[in-house]
Amino acid sequence: MDLLSLQKQFILAHLREGDCAVDFTMGNGYDTVFLSKTVGPRGTVTAFDIQPDALLSTEKNLRANACPDNWRLICASHDRAPEFVKAPIRAGMFNLGYLPGSGRKQLTTMRKTTLPAVANALSLLGEDAVLLVAVYPGHAEGAAEGEELEKYFSSLSRFRYSIARFRMLNSPDSPYFIVCETRKEEAIR
């Protein structure tokens, strides 16, 4: 099972050209590139990371992939997204953990900012939108982060959100993801 392809299918079920999307953990920019190409020149993508190296790598990746000039890279923690993103978003992505290739595995996303960031992301979601959170339980903070996120998502109204977890049962330390879709207004009534 290719979890990355499955993640993209969830995003593509909601995100269209001209939409607003956010990459809450840009890393090397692969999700930012995907979002940028999906929303096209009329859409917008805002991406966050606290590491300047991530911004440089992402900008290089966006330019190398001939992405439209629809992106904004912000060197700030993902929990500060509402300061920079005002429009309702159709899709948001979190890819938790550390910056691949940085050699700094000790510098990782942390529960103290991830949990508020996810709550903020949900407040930014528009109607018929999706939030995808990739969790990496192979290290102590990642496992704790995943547990806290699962508790939080489990507490949300099933009438407002459809939430599922996708995990390999025979590989408990493998990455997994949580998808949260907002319910359409007519489905809530």
N, C-alpha and C. Protein backbone atom coordinates (compact mmCIF):
# COMPACT_ATOMS: atom_id res chain seq x y z
N MET A 1 0.84 -1.18 0.00
CA MET A 1 0.00 0.00 0.00
C MET A 1 0.89 1.24 0.00
N ASP A 2 0.65 2.13 -0.90
CA ASP A 2 1.40 3.37 -1.00
C ASP A 2 0.61 4.47 -0.29
N LEU A 3 1.00 4.76 0.96
CA LEU A 3 0.26 5.74 1.75
C LEU A 3 0.35 7.15 1.16
N LEU A 4 1.48 7.48 0.53
CA LEU A 4 1.62 8.81 -0.06
C LEU A 4 0.60 9.03 -1.18
N SER A 5 0.41 8.03 -2.02
CA SER A 5 -0.59 8.14 -3.09
C SER A 5 -1.99 8.26 -2.52
N LEU A 6 -2.26 7.52 -1.46
CA LEU A 6 -3.56 7.59 -0.81
C LEU A 6 -3.81 8.97 -0.21
N GLN A 7 -2.77 9.55 0.41
CA GLN A 7 -2.88 10.91 0.95
C GLN A 7 -3.27 11.90 -0.16
N LYS A 8 -2.59 11.80 -1.28
CA LYS A 8 -2.87 12.72 -2.38
C LYS A 8 -4.29 12.55 -2.92
N GLN A 9 -4.80 11.33 -2.90
CA GLN A 9 -6.17 11.12 -3.37
C GLN A 9 -7.17 11.83 -2.47
N PHE A 10 -6.92 11.82 -1.17
CA PHE A 10 -7.81 12.56 -0.26
C PHE A 10 -7.75 14.07 -0.54
N ILE A 11 -6.55 14.58 -0.77
CA ILE A 11 -6.41 16.00 -1.07
C ILE A 11 -7.11 16.33 -2.38
N LEU A 12 -6.88 15.53 -3.41
CA LEU A 12 -7.45 15.80 -4.73
C LEU A 12 -8.98 15.69 -4.76
N ALA A 13 -9.54 15.00 -3.80
CA ALA A 13 -11.01 14.91 -3.72
C ALA A 13 -11.63 16.24 -3.31
N HIS A 14 -10.82 17.15 -2.79
CA HIS A 14 -11.33 18.44 -2.30
C HIS A 14 -10.70 19.64 -3.00
N LEU A 15 -9.42 19.58 -3.26
CA LEU A 15 -8.66 20.74 -3.73
C LEU A 15 -8.77 20.90 -5.24
N ARG A 16 -9.10 22.11 -5.65
CA ARG A 16 -9.26 22.42 -7.08
C ARG A 16 -8.46 23.66 -7.46
N GLU A 17 -8.35 23.88 -8.75
CA GLU A 17 -7.67 25.07 -9.24
C GLU A 17 -8.35 26.32 -8.68
N GLY A 18 -7.53 27.25 -8.23
CA GLY A 18 -8.03 28.50 -7.70
C GLY A 18 -8.25 28.49 -6.19
N ASP A 19 -8.09 27.34 -5.55
CA ASP A 19 -8.31 27.22 -4.10
C ASP A 19 -7.12 27.73 -3.30
N CYS A 20 -7.32 27.82 -2.00
CA CYS A 20 -6.30 28.21 -1.04
C CYS A 20 -5.90 26.97 -0.24
N ALA A 21 -4.58 26.72 -0.13
CA ALA A 21 -4.08 25.56 0.60
C ALA A 21 -2.92 25.97 1.49
N VAL A 22 -2.65 25.16 2.51
CA VAL A 22 -1.55 25.45 3.43
C VAL A 22 -0.74 24.18 3.66
N ASP A 23 0.58 24.32 3.56
CA ASP A 23 1.51 23.27 3.96
C ASP A 23 2.05 23.73 5.31
N PHE A 24 1.58 23.12 6.38
CA PHE A 24 1.92 23.56 7.72
C PHE A 24 3.32 23.16 8.16
N THR A 25 3.95 22.25 7.44
CA THR A 25 5.31 21.77 7.76
C THR A 25 6.05 21.55 6.44
N MET A 26 6.58 22.61 5.86
CA MET A 26 7.07 22.51 4.48
C MET A 26 8.24 21.57 4.28
N GLY A 27 9.12 21.40 5.26
CA GLY A 27 10.25 20.50 5.07
C GLY A 27 11.03 20.85 3.82
N ASN A 28 11.17 19.91 2.91
CA ASN A 28 11.88 20.14 1.65
C ASN A 28 10.95 20.57 0.52
N GLY A 29 9.67 20.74 0.83
CA GLY A 29 8.75 21.33 -0.12
C GLY A 29 8.01 20.40 -1.05
N TYR A 30 8.06 19.11 -0.84
CA TYR A 30 7.38 18.20 -1.76
C TYR A 30 5.85 18.37 -1.70
N ASP A 31 5.32 18.52 -0.50
CA ASP A 31 3.88 18.78 -0.39
C ASP A 31 3.54 20.17 -0.92
N THR A 32 4.43 21.13 -0.71
CA THR A 32 4.21 22.49 -1.22
C THR A 32 4.12 22.48 -2.75
N VAL A 33 5.01 21.73 -3.39
CA VAL A 33 5.00 21.60 -4.85
C VAL A 33 3.67 20.98 -5.30
N PHE A 34 3.27 19.90 -4.66
CA PHE A 34 2.02 19.22 -4.99
C PHE A 34 0.84 20.19 -4.86
N LEU A 35 0.78 20.92 -3.77
CA LEU A 35 -0.33 21.86 -3.56
C LEU A 35 -0.28 22.99 -4.58
N SER A 36 0.90 23.53 -4.85
CA SER A 36 1.05 24.63 -5.81
C SER A 36 0.56 24.23 -7.20
N LYS A 37 0.98 23.07 -7.66
CA LYS A 37 0.56 22.61 -8.99
C LYS A 37 -0.94 22.31 -9.03
N THR A 38 -1.49 21.83 -7.92
CA THR A 38 -2.90 21.49 -7.88
C THR A 38 -3.79 22.73 -7.92
N VAL A 39 -3.44 23.78 -7.17
CA VAL A 39 -4.29 24.98 -7.15
C VAL A 39 -4.03 25.90 -8.34
N GLY A 40 -2.90 25.71 -9.01
CA GLY A 40 -2.62 26.47 -10.23
C GLY A 40 -2.38 27.95 -9.99
N PRO A 41 -2.23 28.71 -11.08
CA PRO A 41 -1.85 30.13 -10.98
C PRO A 41 -2.90 31.00 -10.29
N ARG A 42 -4.15 30.57 -10.29
CA ARG A 42 -5.20 31.38 -9.63
C ARG A 42 -5.34 31.05 -8.14
N GLY A 43 -4.70 29.98 -7.68
CA GLY A 43 -4.79 29.58 -6.28
C GLY A 43 -3.65 30.14 -5.47
N THR A 44 -3.66 29.83 -4.18
CA THR A 44 -2.59 30.26 -3.29
C THR A 44 -2.18 29.12 -2.36
N VAL A 45 -0.88 29.10 -2.07
CA VAL A 45 -0.33 28.13 -1.12
C VAL A 45 0.56 28.90 -0.16
N THR A 46 0.34 28.70 1.11
CA THR A 46 1.20 29.25 2.16
C THR A 46 1.85 28.07 2.85
N ALA A 47 3.16 28.16 3.07
CA ALA A 47 3.89 27.06 3.70
C ALA A 47 4.71 27.59 4.87
N PHE A 48 4.78 26.79 5.94
CA PHE A 48 5.45 27.19 7.17
C PHE A 48 6.55 26.21 7.54
N ASP A 49 7.64 26.75 8.09
CA ASP A 49 8.67 25.95 8.74
C ASP A 49 9.48 26.90 9.61
N ILE A 50 10.08 26.37 10.67
CA ILE A 50 10.89 27.22 11.56
C ILE A 50 12.35 27.23 11.16
N GLN A 51 12.73 26.38 10.20
CA GLN A 51 14.13 26.28 9.79
C GLN A 51 14.39 27.00 8.47
N PRO A 52 15.29 27.98 8.48
CA PRO A 52 15.62 28.67 7.22
C PRO A 52 16.04 27.72 6.11
N ASP A 53 16.72 26.62 6.46
CA ASP A 53 17.14 25.63 5.46
C ASP A 53 15.93 25.05 4.72
N ALA A 54 14.84 24.89 5.43
CA ALA A 54 13.62 24.35 4.81
C ALA A 54 13.08 25.32 3.77
N LEU A 55 13.10 26.60 4.09
CA LEU A 55 12.62 27.59 3.12
C LEU A 55 13.48 27.60 1.87
N LEU A 56 14.80 27.53 2.04
CA LEU A 56 15.71 27.51 0.89
C LEU A 56 15.49 26.27 0.03
N SER A 57 15.39 25.12 0.68
CA SER A 57 15.18 23.87 -0.04
C SER A 57 13.83 23.87 -0.77
N THR A 58 12.80 24.38 -0.09
CA THR A 58 11.47 24.41 -0.70
C THR A 58 11.43 25.35 -1.89
N GLU A 59 12.01 26.52 -1.75
CA GLU A 59 12.02 27.47 -2.88
C GLU A 59 12.74 26.86 -4.08
N LYS A 60 13.86 26.21 -3.82
CA LYS A 60 14.61 25.54 -4.90
C LYS A 60 13.73 24.48 -5.57
N ASN A 61 13.02 23.70 -4.76
CA ASN A 61 12.16 22.64 -5.26
C ASN A 61 11.00 23.22 -6.09
N LEU A 62 10.39 24.28 -5.60
CA LEU A 62 9.28 24.93 -6.33
C LEU A 62 9.75 25.44 -7.70
N ARG A 63 10.90 26.08 -7.72
CA ARG A 63 11.42 26.63 -8.98
C ARG A 63 11.85 25.50 -9.93
N ALA A 64 12.47 24.45 -9.40
CA ALA A 64 12.91 23.33 -10.23
C ALA A 64 11.72 22.60 -10.86
N ASN A 65 10.57 22.66 -10.21
CA ASN A 65 9.37 21.99 -10.72
C ASN A 65 8.45 22.94 -11.48
N ALA A 66 8.96 24.12 -11.81
CA ALA A 66 8.22 25.11 -12.61
C ALA A 66 6.82 25.38 -12.03
N CYS A 67 6.76 25.53 -10.72
CA CYS A 67 5.47 25.82 -10.08
C CYS A 67 5.04 27.24 -10.39
N PRO A 68 3.75 27.48 -10.45
CA PRO A 68 3.28 28.85 -10.66
C PRO A 68 3.67 29.72 -9.48
N ASP A 69 3.69 31.01 -9.70
CA ASP A 69 4.07 31.96 -8.66
C ASP A 69 2.86 32.22 -7.75
N ASN A 70 2.45 31.17 -7.04
CA ASN A 70 1.25 31.24 -6.20
C ASN A 70 1.55 30.90 -4.75
N TRP A 71 2.82 30.86 -4.37
CA TRP A 71 3.22 30.38 -3.06
C TRP A 71 3.89 31.47 -2.24
N ARG A 72 3.76 31.27 -0.92
CA ARG A 72 4.40 32.16 0.05
C ARG A 72 5.00 31.28 1.14
N LEU A 73 6.31 31.43 1.36
CA LEU A 73 7.03 30.63 2.34
C LEU A 73 7.28 31.49 3.58
N ILE A 74 6.91 30.96 4.74
CA ILE A 74 7.00 31.73 5.97
C ILE A 74 7.85 31.00 6.99
N CYS A 75 8.87 31.69 7.49
CA CYS A 75 9.74 31.13 8.52
C CYS A 75 9.12 31.44 9.88
N ALA A 76 8.20 30.57 10.28
CA ALA A 76 7.50 30.71 11.56
C ALA A 76 6.90 29.36 11.91
N SER A 77 6.59 29.19 13.17
CA SER A 77 5.97 27.95 13.61
C SER A 77 4.57 27.81 13.03
N HIS A 78 4.19 26.58 12.74
CA HIS A 78 2.89 26.30 12.14
C HIS A 78 1.71 26.71 13.03
N ASP A 79 1.93 26.86 14.33
CA ASP A 79 0.84 27.28 15.20
C ASP A 79 0.50 28.76 15.03
N ARG A 80 1.31 29.48 14.27
CA ARG A 80 1.06 30.91 14.00
C ARG A 80 0.32 31.13 12.68
N ALA A 81 -0.14 30.09 12.04
CA ALA A 81 -0.79 30.20 10.72
C ALA A 81 -1.90 31.25 10.66
N PRO A 82 -2.78 31.37 11.66
CA PRO A 82 -3.85 32.38 11.55
C PRO A 82 -3.36 33.83 11.44
N GLU A 83 -2.11 34.07 11.82
CA GLU A 83 -1.54 35.41 11.65
C GLU A 83 -1.31 35.72 10.17
N PHE A 84 -1.13 34.70 9.37
CA PHE A 84 -0.74 34.88 7.97
C PHE A 84 -1.81 34.44 6.97
N VAL A 85 -2.68 33.54 7.38
CA VAL A 85 -3.70 33.00 6.48
C VAL A 85 -5.06 33.47 6.97
N LYS A 86 -5.76 34.23 6.13
CA LYS A 86 -7.06 34.78 6.52
C LYS A 86 -8.22 34.13 5.77
N ALA A 87 -7.99 33.72 4.55
CA ALA A 87 -9.06 33.12 3.74
C ALA A 87 -9.31 31.69 4.19
N PRO A 88 -10.54 31.20 4.05
CA PRO A 88 -10.78 29.78 4.33
C PRO A 88 -9.93 28.93 3.39
N ILE A 89 -9.39 27.85 3.92
CA ILE A 89 -8.56 26.97 3.09
C ILE A 89 -9.35 25.72 2.71
N ARG A 90 -9.02 25.17 1.56
CA ARG A 90 -9.67 23.95 1.08
C ARG A 90 -8.87 22.72 1.49
N ALA A 91 -7.55 22.89 1.67
CA ALA A 91 -6.72 21.75 2.04
C ALA A 91 -5.54 22.21 2.89
N GLY A 92 -5.21 21.39 3.87
CA GLY A 92 -4.03 21.63 4.70
C GLY A 92 -3.29 20.33 4.90
N MET A 93 -1.97 20.43 4.96
CA MET A 93 -1.15 19.23 5.14
C MET A 93 -0.12 19.46 6.24
N PHE A 94 0.02 18.46 7.09
CA PHE A 94 1.07 18.40 8.10
C PHE A 94 1.87 17.14 7.82
N ASN A 95 3.17 17.26 7.77
CA ASN A 95 4.06 16.11 7.66
C ASN A 95 5.01 16.23 8.84
N LEU A 96 4.62 15.64 9.96
CA LEU A 96 5.32 15.83 11.23
C LEU A 96 6.69 15.15 11.24
N GLY A 97 7.48 15.44 12.26
CA GLY A 97 8.79 14.83 12.40
C GLY A 97 9.90 15.84 12.22
N TYR A 98 10.99 15.41 11.59
CA TYR A 98 12.15 16.28 11.40
C TYR A 98 12.37 16.55 9.91
N LEU A 99 13.21 17.52 9.63
CA LEU A 99 13.52 17.90 8.25
C LEU A 99 14.41 16.82 7.62
N PRO A 100 13.89 16.05 6.65
CA PRO A 100 14.70 15.01 6.02
C PRO A 100 15.95 15.60 5.36
N GLY A 101 17.06 14.90 5.58
CA GLY A 101 18.32 15.32 4.97
C GLY A 101 19.06 16.40 5.73
N SER A 102 18.48 16.89 6.83
CA SER A 102 19.12 17.98 7.57
C SER A 102 20.21 17.47 8.51
N GLY A 103 20.15 16.18 8.88
CA GLY A 103 21.10 15.66 9.84
C GLY A 103 20.77 16.06 11.27
N ARG A 104 19.61 16.72 11.47
CA ARG A 104 19.22 17.19 12.80
C ARG A 104 17.93 16.50 13.23
N LYS A 105 18.03 15.22 13.49
CA LYS A 105 16.84 14.44 13.87
C LYS A 105 16.29 14.84 15.23
N GLN A 106 17.11 15.51 16.05
CA GLN A 106 16.63 15.95 17.35
C GLN A 106 15.73 17.18 17.23
N LEU A 107 15.79 17.89 16.12
CA LEU A 107 14.92 19.06 15.88
C LEU A 107 13.67 18.56 15.16
N THR A 108 12.61 18.38 15.91
CA THR A 108 11.40 17.75 15.39
C THR A 108 10.18 18.56 15.79
N THR A 109 9.08 18.30 15.12
CA THR A 109 7.83 18.92 15.54
C THR A 109 7.52 18.44 16.96
N MET A 110 6.83 19.30 17.71
CA MET A 110 6.56 19.02 19.12
C MET A 110 5.08 19.20 19.42
N ARG A 111 4.60 18.38 20.35
CA ARG A 111 3.18 18.45 20.75
C ARG A 111 2.76 19.85 21.15
N LYS A 112 3.63 20.57 21.83
CA LYS A 112 3.24 21.88 22.36
C LYS A 112 2.88 22.88 21.27
N THR A 113 3.41 22.71 20.06
CA THR A 113 3.00 23.58 18.94
C THR A 113 2.12 22.86 17.94
N THR A 114 2.31 21.55 17.79
CA THR A 114 1.51 20.81 16.81
C THR A 114 0.03 20.79 17.17
N LEU A 115 -0.29 20.53 18.43
CA LEU A 115 -1.70 20.47 18.82
C LEU A 115 -2.42 21.81 18.60
N PRO A 116 -1.86 22.95 19.03
CA PRO A 116 -2.52 24.22 18.69
C PRO A 116 -2.55 24.48 17.19
N ALA A 117 -1.50 24.05 16.48
CA ALA A 117 -1.47 24.25 15.03
C ALA A 117 -2.59 23.50 14.34
N VAL A 118 -2.85 22.27 14.77
CA VAL A 118 -3.92 21.47 14.18
C VAL A 118 -5.28 22.10 14.50
N ALA A 119 -5.46 22.55 15.74
CA ALA A 119 -6.72 23.23 16.10
C ALA A 119 -6.90 24.49 15.26
N ASN A 120 -5.84 25.25 15.08
CA ASN A 120 -5.91 26.45 14.23
C ASN A 120 -6.23 26.09 12.79
N ALA A 121 -5.62 25.01 12.31
CA ALA A 121 -5.86 24.58 10.93
C ALA A 121 -7.33 24.23 10.74
N LEU A 122 -7.91 23.55 11.70
CA LEU A 122 -9.33 23.21 11.60
C LEU A 122 -10.20 24.46 11.55
N SER A 123 -9.80 25.49 12.30
CA SER A 123 -10.59 26.73 12.29
C SER A 123 -10.47 27.46 10.96
N LEU A 124 -9.43 27.18 10.19
CA LEU A 124 -9.23 27.81 8.88
C LEU A 124 -9.92 27.05 7.75
N LEU A 125 -10.30 25.79 8.00
CA LEU A 125 -10.91 24.99 6.94
C LEU A 125 -12.27 25.54 6.53
N GLY A 126 -12.49 25.61 5.24
CA GLY A 126 -13.79 26.00 4.71
C GLY A 126 -14.69 24.78 4.60
N GLU A 127 -15.79 24.96 3.92
CA GLU A 127 -16.73 23.86 3.68
C GLU A 127 -16.13 22.90 2.66
N ASP A 128 -16.41 21.62 2.82
CA ASP A 128 -15.93 20.58 1.91
C ASP A 128 -14.41 20.65 1.75
N ALA A 129 -13.71 20.71 2.89
CA ALA A 129 -12.26 20.84 2.91
C ALA A 129 -11.64 19.64 3.61
N VAL A 130 -10.31 19.56 3.54
CA VAL A 130 -9.60 18.41 4.10
C VAL A 130 -8.31 18.86 4.80
N LEU A 131 -8.03 18.19 5.90
CA LEU A 131 -6.77 18.36 6.61
C LEU A 131 -6.14 16.99 6.73
N LEU A 132 -4.88 16.90 6.36
CA LEU A 132 -4.17 15.63 6.40
C LEU A 132 -2.95 15.78 7.31
N VAL A 133 -2.81 14.87 8.25
CA VAL A 133 -1.70 14.92 9.21
C VAL A 133 -0.93 13.60 9.15
N ALA A 134 0.32 13.65 8.67
CA ALA A 134 1.18 12.46 8.63
C ALA A 134 1.98 12.42 9.94
N VAL A 135 1.91 11.27 10.62
CA VAL A 135 2.52 11.09 11.94
C VAL A 135 3.65 10.06 11.83
N TYR A 136 4.74 10.32 12.55
CA TYR A 136 5.91 9.44 12.52
C TYR A 136 6.17 8.92 13.93
N PRO A 137 5.60 7.75 14.31
CA PRO A 137 5.72 7.25 15.68
C PRO A 137 7.03 6.52 15.98
N GLY A 138 7.98 6.54 15.07
CA GLY A 138 9.23 5.80 15.25
C GLY A 138 10.19 6.42 16.25
N HIS A 139 9.88 7.60 16.78
CA HIS A 139 10.70 8.21 17.84
C HIS A 139 9.76 8.67 18.95
N ALA A 140 10.29 8.89 20.13
CA ALA A 140 9.46 9.14 21.32
C ALA A 140 8.50 10.31 21.14
N GLU A 141 8.99 11.44 20.66
CA GLU A 141 8.10 12.61 20.51
C GLU A 141 7.05 12.36 19.44
N GLY A 142 7.43 11.67 18.37
CA GLY A 142 6.47 11.35 17.32
C GLY A 142 5.35 10.44 17.81
N ALA A 143 5.71 9.46 18.62
CA ALA A 143 4.70 8.56 19.17
C ALA A 143 3.76 9.32 20.10
N ALA A 144 4.32 10.17 20.97
CA ALA A 144 3.50 10.96 21.90
C ALA A 144 2.63 11.96 21.13
N GLU A 145 3.20 12.55 20.10
CA GLU A 145 2.47 13.49 19.26
C GLU A 145 1.25 12.79 18.64
N GLY A 146 1.47 11.60 18.11
CA GLY A 146 0.39 10.83 17.51
C GLY A 146 -0.71 10.50 18.50
N GLU A 147 -0.33 10.07 19.70
CA GLU A 147 -1.32 9.75 20.73
C GLU A 147 -2.17 10.96 21.09
N GLU A 148 -1.53 12.12 21.27
CA GLU A 148 -2.27 13.34 21.61
C GLU A 148 -3.19 13.77 20.47
N LEU A 149 -2.70 13.65 19.26
CA LEU A 149 -3.53 14.01 18.11
C LEU A 149 -4.74 13.10 17.99
N GLU A 150 -4.55 11.81 18.21
CA GLU A 150 -5.67 10.88 18.13
C GLU A 150 -6.72 11.18 19.19
N LYS A 151 -6.28 11.53 20.41
CA LYS A 151 -7.23 11.92 21.46
C LYS A 151 -8.01 13.17 21.03
N TYR A 152 -7.28 14.14 20.50
CA TYR A 152 -7.92 15.39 20.09
C TYR A 152 -8.93 15.14 18.97
N PHE A 153 -8.51 14.46 17.91
CA PHE A 153 -9.41 14.20 16.79
C PHE A 153 -10.63 13.37 17.22
N SER A 154 -10.43 12.45 18.16
CA SER A 154 -11.53 11.61 18.65
C SER A 154 -12.59 12.44 19.39
N SER A 155 -12.20 13.60 19.89
CA SER A 155 -13.13 14.43 20.66
C SER A 155 -14.00 15.34 19.78
N LEU A 156 -13.71 15.40 18.49
CA LEU A 156 -14.43 16.32 17.60
C LEU A 156 -15.77 15.75 17.15
N SER A 157 -16.70 16.63 16.84
CA SER A 157 -18.05 16.24 16.44
C SER A 157 -18.05 15.48 15.11
N ARG A 158 -18.72 14.33 15.11
CA ARG A 158 -18.84 13.56 13.87
C ARG A 158 -19.83 14.21 12.91
N PHE A 159 -20.60 15.16 13.40
CA PHE A 159 -21.54 15.87 12.54
C PHE A 159 -20.86 17.01 11.78
N ARG A 160 -19.72 17.44 12.29
CA ARG A 160 -18.97 18.52 11.64
C ARG A 160 -17.79 17.99 10.82
N TYR A 161 -17.19 16.88 11.29
CA TYR A 161 -15.99 16.33 10.64
C TYR A 161 -16.12 14.82 10.43
N SER A 162 -15.52 14.35 9.33
CA SER A 162 -15.31 12.92 9.11
C SER A 162 -13.82 12.69 9.28
N ILE A 163 -13.44 11.84 10.23
CA ILE A 163 -12.02 11.67 10.57
C ILE A 163 -11.68 10.19 10.54
N ALA A 164 -10.55 9.87 9.89
CA ALA A 164 -10.10 8.48 9.82
C ALA A 164 -8.58 8.43 9.99
N ARG A 165 -8.12 7.28 10.42
CA ARG A 165 -6.68 7.04 10.57
C ARG A 165 -6.31 5.90 9.63
N PHE A 166 -5.20 6.05 8.92
CA PHE A 166 -4.72 5.03 8.00
C PHE A 166 -3.33 4.59 8.46
N ARG A 167 -3.26 3.31 8.87
CA ARG A 167 -2.03 2.80 9.50
C ARG A 167 -1.80 1.35 9.08
N MET A 168 -0.56 1.00 8.89
CA MET A 168 -0.20 -0.38 8.58
C MET A 168 -0.27 -1.18 9.89
N LEU A 169 -1.15 -2.16 9.96
CA LEU A 169 -1.34 -2.93 11.19
C LEU A 169 -0.15 -3.82 11.53
N ASN A 170 0.54 -4.29 10.51
CA ASN A 170 1.66 -5.20 10.74
C ASN A 170 3.01 -4.48 10.81
N SER A 171 2.97 -3.16 10.99
CA SER A 171 4.20 -2.37 11.13
C SER A 171 3.89 -1.15 12.02
N PRO A 172 3.77 -1.38 13.34
CA PRO A 172 3.28 -0.34 14.25
C PRO A 172 4.14 0.92 14.35
N ASP A 173 5.43 0.84 14.02
CA ASP A 173 6.28 2.04 14.08
C ASP A 173 6.35 2.79 12.76
N SER A 174 5.66 2.28 11.75
CA SER A 174 5.66 2.94 10.44
C SER A 174 4.83 4.22 10.50
N PRO A 175 5.16 5.18 9.63
CA PRO A 175 4.35 6.40 9.56
C PRO A 175 2.90 6.06 9.20
N TYR A 176 2.00 6.89 9.66
CA TYR A 176 0.59 6.75 9.32
C TYR A 176 0.00 8.15 9.17
N PHE A 177 -1.23 8.21 8.71
CA PHE A 177 -1.82 9.54 8.60
C PHE A 177 -3.26 9.56 9.06
N ILE A 178 -3.66 10.75 9.46
CA ILE A 178 -5.02 11.03 9.88
C ILE A 178 -5.59 12.01 8.86
N VAL A 179 -6.78 11.72 8.39
CA VAL A 179 -7.45 12.62 7.45
C VAL A 179 -8.72 13.13 8.13
N CYS A 180 -8.93 14.43 8.02
CA CYS A 180 -10.10 15.08 8.61
C CYS A 180 -10.78 15.89 7.52
N GLU A 181 -11.99 15.50 7.18
CA GLU A 181 -12.76 16.19 6.15
C GLU A 181 -13.91 16.94 6.80
N THR A 182 -14.11 18.19 6.38
CA THR A 182 -15.26 18.92 6.89
C THR A 182 -16.50 18.41 6.18
N ARG A 183 -17.58 18.38 6.91
CA ARG A 183 -18.84 17.92 6.34
C ARG A 183 -19.46 19.05 5.54
N LYS A 184 -20.13 18.71 4.47
CA LYS A 184 -20.85 19.71 3.69
C LYS A 184 -22.01 20.25 4.52
N GLU A 185 -22.30 21.51 4.35
CA GLU A 185 -23.34 22.17 5.15
C GLU A 185 -24.66 21.41 5.10
N GLU A 186 -25.06 20.94 3.93
CA GLU A 186 -26.36 20.25 3.83
C GLU A 186 -26.32 18.90 4.55
N ALA A 187 -25.13 18.31 4.71
CA ALA A 187 -25.02 17.03 5.42
C ALA A 187 -25.16 17.23 6.93
N ILE A 188 -24.90 18.44 7.42
CA ILE A 188 -24.97 18.72 8.85
C ILE A 188 -26.43 18.86 9.28
N ARG A 189 -27.26 19.39 8.43
CA ARG A 189 -28.66 19.66 8.80
C ARG A 189 -29.49 18.44 8.98
